[in-house]
PDB file of N, CA and C in Angstrom:
ATOM      1  N   MET A   1      94.325  78.009  63.091  1.00  0.00           N
ATOM      2  CA  MET A   1      94.199  78.910  64.209  1.00  0.00           C
ATOM      3  C   MET A   1      93.623  78.210  65.434  1.00  0.00           C
ATOM      4  N   LYS A   2      92.798  77.202  65.207  1.00  0.00           N
ATOM      5  CA  LYS A   2      92.192  76.457  66.315  1.00  0.00           C
ATOM      6  C   LYS A   2      93.280  75.771  67.148  1.00  0.00           C
ATOM      7  N   LYS A   3      94.287  75.212  66.457  1.00  0.00           N
ATOM      8  CA  LYS A   3      95.362  74.529  67.167  1.00  0.00           C
ATOM      9  C   LYS A   3      96.176  75.510  68.016  1.00  0.00           C
ATOM     10  N   LEU A   4      96.407  76.707  67.484  1.00  0.00           N
ATOM     11  CA  LEU A   4      97.137  77.711  68.251  1.00  0.00           C
ATOM     12  C   LEU A   4      96.344  78.155  69.470  1.00  0.00           C
ATOM     13  N   SER A   5      95.041  78.272  69.311  1.00  0.00           N
ATOM     14  CA  SER A   5      94.188  78.651  70.430  1.00  0.00           C
ATOM     15  C   SER A   5      94.278  77.620  71.549  1.00  0.00           C
ATOM     16  N   VAL A   6      94.186  76.360  71.185  1.00  0.00           N
ATOM     17  CA  VAL A   6      94.274  75.281  72.171  1.00  0.00           C
ATOM     18  C   VAL A   6      95.670  75.219  72.775  1.00  0.00           C
ATOM     19  N   LEU A   7      96.692  75.426  71.960  1.00  0.00           N
ATOM     20  CA  LEU A   7      98.071  75.399  72.447  1.00  0.00           C
ATOM     21  C   LEU A   7      98.307  76.465  73.512  1.00  0.00           C
ATOM     22  N   PHE A   8      97.868  77.695  73.246  1.00  0.00           N
ATOM     23  CA  PHE A   8      98.089  78.764  74.211  1.00  0.00           C
ATOM     24  C   PHE A   8      97.231  78.595  75.456  1.00  0.00           C
ATOM     25  N   ALA A   9      96.041  78.025  75.320  1.00  0.00           N
ATOM     26  CA  ALA A   9      95.218  77.736  76.493  1.00  0.00           C
ATOM     27  C   ALA A   9      95.888  76.678  77.366  1.00  0.00           C
ATOM     28  N   ALA A  10      96.418  75.640  76.731  1.00  0.00           N
ATOM     29  CA  ALA A  10      97.120  74.592  77.480  1.00  0.00           C
ATOM     30  C   ALA A  10      98.381  75.145  78.137  1.00  0.00           C
ATOM     31  N   LEU A  11      99.076  76.010  77.430  1.00  0.00           N
ATOM     32  CA  LEU A  11     100.276  76.620  77.996  1.00  0.00           C
ATOM     33  C   LEU A  11      99.939  77.472  79.214  1.00  0.00           C
ATOM     34  N   ALA A  12      98.827  78.181  79.173  1.00  0.00           N
ATOM     35  CA  ALA A  12      98.401  78.982  80.323  1.00  0.00           C
ATOM     36  C   ALA A  12      98.128  78.094  81.531  1.00  0.00           C
ATOM     37  N   VAL A  13      97.494  76.955  81.306  1.00  0.00           N
ATOM     38  CA  VAL A  13      97.207  76.030  82.409  1.00  0.00           C
ATOM     39  C   VAL A  13      98.506  75.450  82.976  1.00  0.00           C
ATOM     40  N   LEU A  14      99.434  75.084  82.096  1.00  0.00           N
ATOM     41  CA  LEU A  14     100.721  74.559  82.564  1.00  0.00           C
ATOM     42  C   LEU A  14     101.513  75.609  83.333  1.00  0.00           C
ATOM     43  N   LEU A  15     101.480  76.838  82.861  1.00  0.00           N
ATOM     44  CA  LEU A  15     102.171  77.911  83.574  1.00  0.00           C
ATOM     45  C   LEU A  15     101.549  78.163  84.941  1.00  0.00           C
ATOM     46  N   TRP A  16     100.226  78.022  85.037  1.00  0.00           N
ATOM     47  CA  TRP A  16      99.557  78.201  86.318  1.00  0.00           C
ATOM     48  C   TRP A  16     100.049  77.159  87.322  1.00  0.00           C
ATOM     49  N   GLY A  17     100.151  75.911  86.882  1.00  0.00           N
ATOM     50  CA  GLY A  17     100.643  74.858  87.762  1.00  0.00           C
ATOM     51  C   GLY A  17     102.090  75.075  88.170  1.00  0.00           C
ATOM     52  N   ALA A  18     102.907  75.493  87.215  1.00  0.00           N
ATOM     53  CA  ALA A  18     104.315  75.772  87.517  1.00  0.00           C
ATOM     54  C   ALA A  18     104.434  76.937  88.489  1.00  0.00           C
ATOM     55  N   MET A  19     103.591  77.957  88.309  1.00  0.00           N
ATOM     56  CA  MET A  19     103.616  79.107  89.213  1.00  0.00           C
ATOM     57  C   MET A  19     103.291  78.667  90.641  1.00  0.00           C
ATOM     58  N   CYS A  20     102.272  77.845  90.791  1.00  0.00           N
ATOM     59  CA  CYS A  20     101.904  77.368  92.126  1.00  0.00           C
ATOM     60  C   CYS A  20     103.054  76.593  92.763  1.00  0.00           C
ATOM     61  N   ALA A  21     103.700  75.738  91.995  1.00  0.00           N
ATOM     62  CA  ALA A  21     104.804  74.941  92.517  1.00  0.00           C
ATOM     63  C   ALA A  21     105.991  75.821  92.917  1.00  0.00           C
ATOM     64  N   VAL A  22     106.340  76.773  92.071  1.00  0.00           N
ATOM     65  CA  VAL A  22     107.496  77.644  92.355  1.00  0.00           C
ATOM     66  C   VAL A  22     107.235  78.508  93.584  1.00  0.00           C
ATOM     67  N   VAL A  23     106.059  79.103  93.658  1.00  0.00           N
ATOM     68  CA  VAL A  23     105.751  79.965  94.804  1.00  0.00           C
ATOM     69  C   VAL A  23     105.687  79.145  96.093  1.00  0.00           C
ATOM     70  N   ALA A  24     105.074  77.973  96.045  1.00  0.00           N
ATOM     71  CA  ALA A  24     105.002  77.128  97.249  1.00  0.00           C
ATOM     72  C   ALA A  24     106.390  76.702  97.704  1.00  0.00           C
ATOM     73  N   TRP A  25     107.234  76.326  96.759  1.00  0.00           N
ATOM     74  CA  TRP A  25     108.604  75.909  97.102  1.00  0.00           C
ATOM     75  C   TRP A  25     109.376  77.070  97.731  1.00  0.00           C
ATOM     76  N   ASN A  26     109.321  78.229  97.115  1.00  0.00           N
ATOM     77  CA  ASN A  26     110.057  79.370  97.647  1.00  0.00           C
ATOM     78  C   ASN A  26     109.492  79.850  98.983  1.00  0.00           C
ATOM     79  N   TYR A  27     108.181  79.752  99.163  1.00  0.00           N
ATOM     80  CA  TYR A  27     107.570  80.139 100.436  1.00  0.00           C
ATOM     81  C   TYR A  27     108.060  79.219 101.557  1.00  0.00           C
ATOM     82  N   SER A  28     108.053  77.913 101.284  1.00  0.00           N
ATOM     83  CA  SER A  28     108.511  76.981 102.317  1.00  0.00           C
ATOM     84  C   SER A  28     110.005  77.134 102.587  1.00  0.00           C
ATOM     85  N   THR A  29     110.774  77.423 101.550  1.00  0.00           N
ATOM     86  CA  THR A  29     112.201  77.658 101.731  1.00  0.00           C
ATOM     87  C   THR A  29     112.446  78.914 102.567  1.00  0.00           C
ATOM     88  N   MET A  30     111.656  79.946 102.311  1.00  0.00           N
ATOM     89  CA  MET A  30     111.790  81.171 103.104  1.00  0.00           C
ATOM     90  C   MET A  30     111.408  80.926 104.571  1.00  0.00           C
ATOM     91  N   LEU A  31     110.340  80.166 104.802  1.00  0.00           N
ATOM     92  CA  LEU A  31     109.957  79.853 106.183  1.00  0.00           C
ATOM     93  C   LEU A  31     111.065  79.085 106.891  1.00  0.00           C
ATOM     94  N   HIS A  32     111.657  78.118 106.195  1.00  0.00           N
ATOM     95  CA  HIS A  32     112.758  77.359 106.780  1.00  0.00           C
ATOM     96  C   HIS A  32     113.945  78.280 107.076  1.00  0.00           C
ATOM     97  N   GLY A  33     114.250  79.151 106.134  1.00  0.00           N
ATOM     98  CA  GLY A  33     115.364  80.068 106.337  1.00  0.00           C
ATOM     99  C   GLY A  33     115.135  81.039 107.488  1.00  0.00           C
ATOM    100  N   ILE A  34     113.900  81.482 107.646  1.00  0.00           N
ATOM    101  CA  ILE A  34     113.583  82.399 108.749  1.00  0.00           C
ATOM    102  C   ILE A  34     113.744  81.690 110.087  1.00  0.00           C
ATOM    103  N   GLU A  35     113.257  80.455 110.158  1.00  0.00           N
ATOM    104  CA  GLU A  35     113.299  79.716 111.420  1.00  0.00           C
ATOM    105  C   GLU A  35     114.693  79.228 111.780  1.00  0.00           C
ATOM    106  N   HIS A  36     115.492  78.824 110.790  1.00  0.00           N
ATOM    107  CA  HIS A  36     116.757  78.155 111.094  1.00  0.00           C
ATOM    108  C   HIS A  36     118.011  78.920 110.686  1.00  0.00           C
ATOM    109  N   HIS A  37     117.915  79.849 109.767  1.00  0.00           N
ATOM    110  CA  HIS A  37     119.118  80.510 109.270  1.00  0.00           C
ATOM    111  C   HIS A  37     119.105  82.013 109.489  1.00  0.00           C
ATOM    112  N   GLY A  38     118.055  82.545 110.064  1.00  0.00           N
ATOM    113  CA  GLY A  38     118.016  83.964 110.405  1.00  0.00           C
ATOM    114  C   GLY A  38     117.746  84.901 109.241  1.00  0.00           C
ATOM    115  N   TYR A  39     117.005  84.444 108.226  1.00  0.00           N
ATOM    116  CA  TYR A  39     116.645  85.349 107.131  1.00  0.00           C
ATOM    117  C   TYR A  39     115.842  86.510 107.697  1.00  0.00           C
ATOM    118  N   SER A  40     116.069  87.696 107.170  1.00  0.00           N
ATOM    119  CA  SER A  40     115.343  88.860 107.678  1.00  0.00           C
ATOM    120  C   SER A  40     114.128  89.222 106.830  1.00  0.00           C
ATOM    121  N   ALA A  41     114.047  88.729 105.603  1.00  0.00           N
ATOM    122  CA  ALA A  41     112.898  89.039 104.741  1.00  0.00           C
ATOM    123  C   ALA A  41     111.704  88.177 105.149  1.00  0.00           C
ATOM    124  N   PRO A  42     110.505  88.725 105.040  1.00  0.00           N
ATOM    125  CA  PRO A  42     109.330  87.911 105.367  1.00  0.00           C
ATOM    126  C   PRO A  42     109.099  86.830 104.305  1.00  0.00           C
ATOM    127  N   ALA A  43     108.404  85.792 104.679  1.00  0.00           N
ATOM    128  CA  ALA A  43     108.149  84.682 103.757  1.00  0.00           C
ATOM    129  C   ALA A  43     107.268  85.106 102.594  1.00  0.00           C
ATOM    130  N   SER A  44     106.508  86.157 102.774  1.00  0.00           N
ATOM    131  CA  SER A  44     105.619  86.618 101.703  1.00  0.00           C
ATOM    132  C   SER A  44     106.381  87.144 100.485  1.00  0.00           C
ATOM    133  N   VAL A  45     107.672  87.338 100.624  1.00  0.00           N
ATOM    134  CA  VAL A  45     108.504  87.755  99.492  1.00  0.00           C
ATOM    135  C   VAL A  45     108.446  86.699  98.386  1.00  0.00           C
ATOM    136  N   ALA A  46     108.169  85.471  98.746  1.00  0.00           N
ATOM    137  CA  ALA A  46     108.096  84.394  97.754  1.00  0.00           C
ATOM    138  C   ALA A  46     107.003  84.653  96.722  1.00  0.00           C
ATOM    139  N   PHE A  47     105.992  85.441  97.078  1.00  0.00           N
ATOM    140  CA  PHE A  47     104.911  85.721  96.134  1.00  0.00           C
ATOM    141  C   PHE A  47     105.351  86.638  94.995  1.00  0.00           C
ATOM    142  N   VAL A  48     106.503  87.252  95.115  1.00  0.00           N
ATOM    143  CA  VAL A  48     107.039  88.081  94.030  1.00  0.00           C
ATOM    144  C   VAL A  48     107.325  87.208  92.802  1.00  0.00           C
ATOM    145  N   TYR A  49     107.650  85.937  93.046  1.00  0.00           N
ATOM    146  CA  TYR A  49     107.914  85.021  91.937  1.00  0.00           C
ATOM    147  C   TYR A  49     106.679  84.782  91.080  1.00  0.00           C
ATOM    148  N   ALA A  50     105.510  85.104  91.583  1.00  0.00           N
ATOM    149  CA  ALA A  50     104.270  84.898  90.821  1.00  0.00           C
ATOM    150  C   ALA A  50     104.079  85.960  89.740  1.00  0.00           C
ATOM    151  N   ILE A  51     104.735  87.105  89.858  1.00  0.00           N
ATOM    152  CA  ILE A  51     104.509  88.210  88.920  1.00  0.00           C
ATOM    153  C   ILE A  51     104.859  87.837  87.479  1.00  0.00           C
ATOM    154  N   PRO A  52     106.053  87.310  87.184  1.00  0.00           N
ATOM    155  CA  PRO A  52     106.342  86.967  85.792  1.00  0.00           C
ATOM    156  C   PRO A  52     105.433  85.858  85.259  1.00  0.00           C
ATOM    157  N   PHE A  53     105.078  84.921  86.127  1.00  0.00           N
ATOM    158  CA  PHE A  53     104.156  83.870  85.709  1.00  0.00           C
ATOM    159  C   PHE A  53     102.792  84.455  85.372  1.00  0.00           C
ATOM    160  N   ALA A  54     102.310  85.379  86.200  1.00  0.00           N
ATOM    161  CA  ALA A  54     100.998  85.986  85.964  1.00  0.00           C
ATOM    162  C   ALA A  54     100.974  86.751  84.638  1.00  0.00           C
ATOM    163  N   VAL A  55     102.053  87.438  84.336  1.00  0.00           N
ATOM    164  CA  VAL A  55     102.136  88.166  83.064  1.00  0.00           C
ATOM    165  C   VAL A  55     102.112  87.183  81.896  1.00  0.00           C
ATOM    166  N   ALA A  56     102.886  86.114  81.995  1.00  0.00           N
ATOM    167  CA  ALA A  56     102.930  85.121  80.918  1.00  0.00           C
ATOM    168  C   ALA A  56     101.578  84.425  80.755  1.00  0.00           C
ATOM    169  N   ILE A  57     100.904  84.141  81.864  1.00  0.00           N
ATOM    170  CA  ILE A  57      99.584  83.518  81.793  1.00  0.00           C
ATOM    171  C   ILE A  57      98.600  84.457  81.118  1.00  0.00           C
ATOM    172  N   ALA A  58      98.644  85.725  81.477  1.00  0.00           N
ATOM    173  CA  ALA A  58      97.741  86.704  80.858  1.00  0.00           C
ATOM    174  C   ALA A  58      97.990  86.806  79.356  1.00  0.00           C
ATOM    175  N   VAL A  59      99.245  86.816  78.945  1.00  0.00           N
ATOM    176  CA  VAL A  59      99.578  86.882  77.519  1.00  0.00           C
ATOM    177  C   VAL A  59      99.057  85.635  76.798  1.00  0.00           C
ATOM    178  N   CYS A  60      99.242  84.466  77.402  1.00  0.00           N
ATOM    179  CA  CYS A  60      98.757  83.232  76.781  1.00  0.00           C
ATOM    180  C   CYS A  60      97.235  83.224  76.654  1.00  0.00           C
ATOM    181  N   VAL A  61      96.543  83.706  77.668  1.00  0.00           N
ATOM    182  CA  VAL A  61      95.080  83.746  77.616  1.00  0.00           C
ATOM    183  C   VAL A  61      94.611  84.704  76.528  1.00  0.00           C
ATOM    184  N   VAL A  62      95.231  85.870  76.444  1.00  0.00           N
ATOM    185  CA  VAL A  62      94.856  86.837  75.414  1.00  0.00           C
ATOM    186  C   VAL A  62      95.115  86.272  74.021  1.00  0.00           C
ATOM    187  N   LEU A  63      96.274  85.664  73.817  1.00  0.00           N
ATOM    188  CA  LEU A  63      96.578  85.075  72.517  1.00  0.00           C
ATOM    189  C   LEU A  63      95.614  83.943  72.177  1.00  0.00           C
ATOM    190  N   SER A  64      95.269  83.148  73.167  1.00  0.00           N
ATOM    191  CA  SER A  64      94.314  82.073  72.932  1.00  0.00           C
ATOM    192  C   SER A  64      92.956  82.627  72.517  1.00  0.00           C
ATOM    193  N   MET A  65      92.524  83.691  73.156  1.00  0.00           N
ATOM    194  CA  MET A  65      91.243  84.302  72.804  1.00  0.00           C
ATOM    195  C   MET A  65      91.292  84.914  71.407  1.00  0.00           C
ATOM    196  N   VAL A  66      92.393  85.559  71.052  1.00  0.00           N
ATOM    197  CA  VAL A  66      92.532  86.165  69.733  1.00  0.00           C
ATOM    198  C   VAL A  66      92.499  85.099  68.643  1.00  0.00           C
ATOM    199  N   PHE A  67      93.245  84.016  68.843  1.00  0.00           N
ATOM    200  CA  PHE A  67      93.265  82.941  67.855  1.00  0.00           C
ATOM    201  C   PHE A  67      91.910  82.239  67.772  1.00  0.00           C
ATOM    202  N   HIS A  68      91.226  82.147  68.901  1.00  0.00           N
ATOM    203  CA  HIS A  68      89.890  81.523  68.888  1.00  0.00           C
ATOM    204  C   HIS A  68      88.900  82.364  68.089  1.00  0.00           C
ATOM    205  N   LYS A  69      88.990  83.690  68.248  1.00  0.00           N
ATOM    206  CA  LYS A  69      88.085  84.568  67.506  1.00  0.00           C
ATOM    207  C   LYS A  69      88.396  84.549  66.000  1.00  0.00           C
ATOM    208  N   LYS A  70      89.675  84.412  65.642  1.00  0.00           N
ATOM    209  CA  LYS A  70      90.055  84.398  64.241  1.00  0.00           C
ATOM    210  C   LYS A  70      89.624  83.120  63.536  1.00  0.00           C
ATOM    211  N   CYS A  71      89.464  82.038  64.291  1.00  0.00           N
ATOM    212  CA  CYS A  71      89.094  80.778  63.646  1.00  0.00           C
ATOM    213  C   CYS A  71      87.591  80.682  63.395  1.00  0.00           C
ATOM    214  N   LYS A  72      86.822  81.606  63.949  1.00  0.00           N
ATOM    215  CA  LYS A  72      85.357  81.585  63.724  1.00  0.00           C
ATOM    216  C   LYS A  72      84.974  82.203  62.413  1.00  0.00           C
TER     217      LYS A  72
END
């Protein structure tokens, strides 16, 4: 159970980094599109991509905590 706890904690950290990269990329792409291609949506729409990542991170953290408690 200890290994699963560490695995899910590491996965949560990796997902956090991926979330930051995806949101930053989409935000900059939206800004470019607004300035040069006439996109009508605001750049803040890029933050919608964080929702599935946040859910997955929360699930990983909860699972990590559950497995950590079971190994004690």
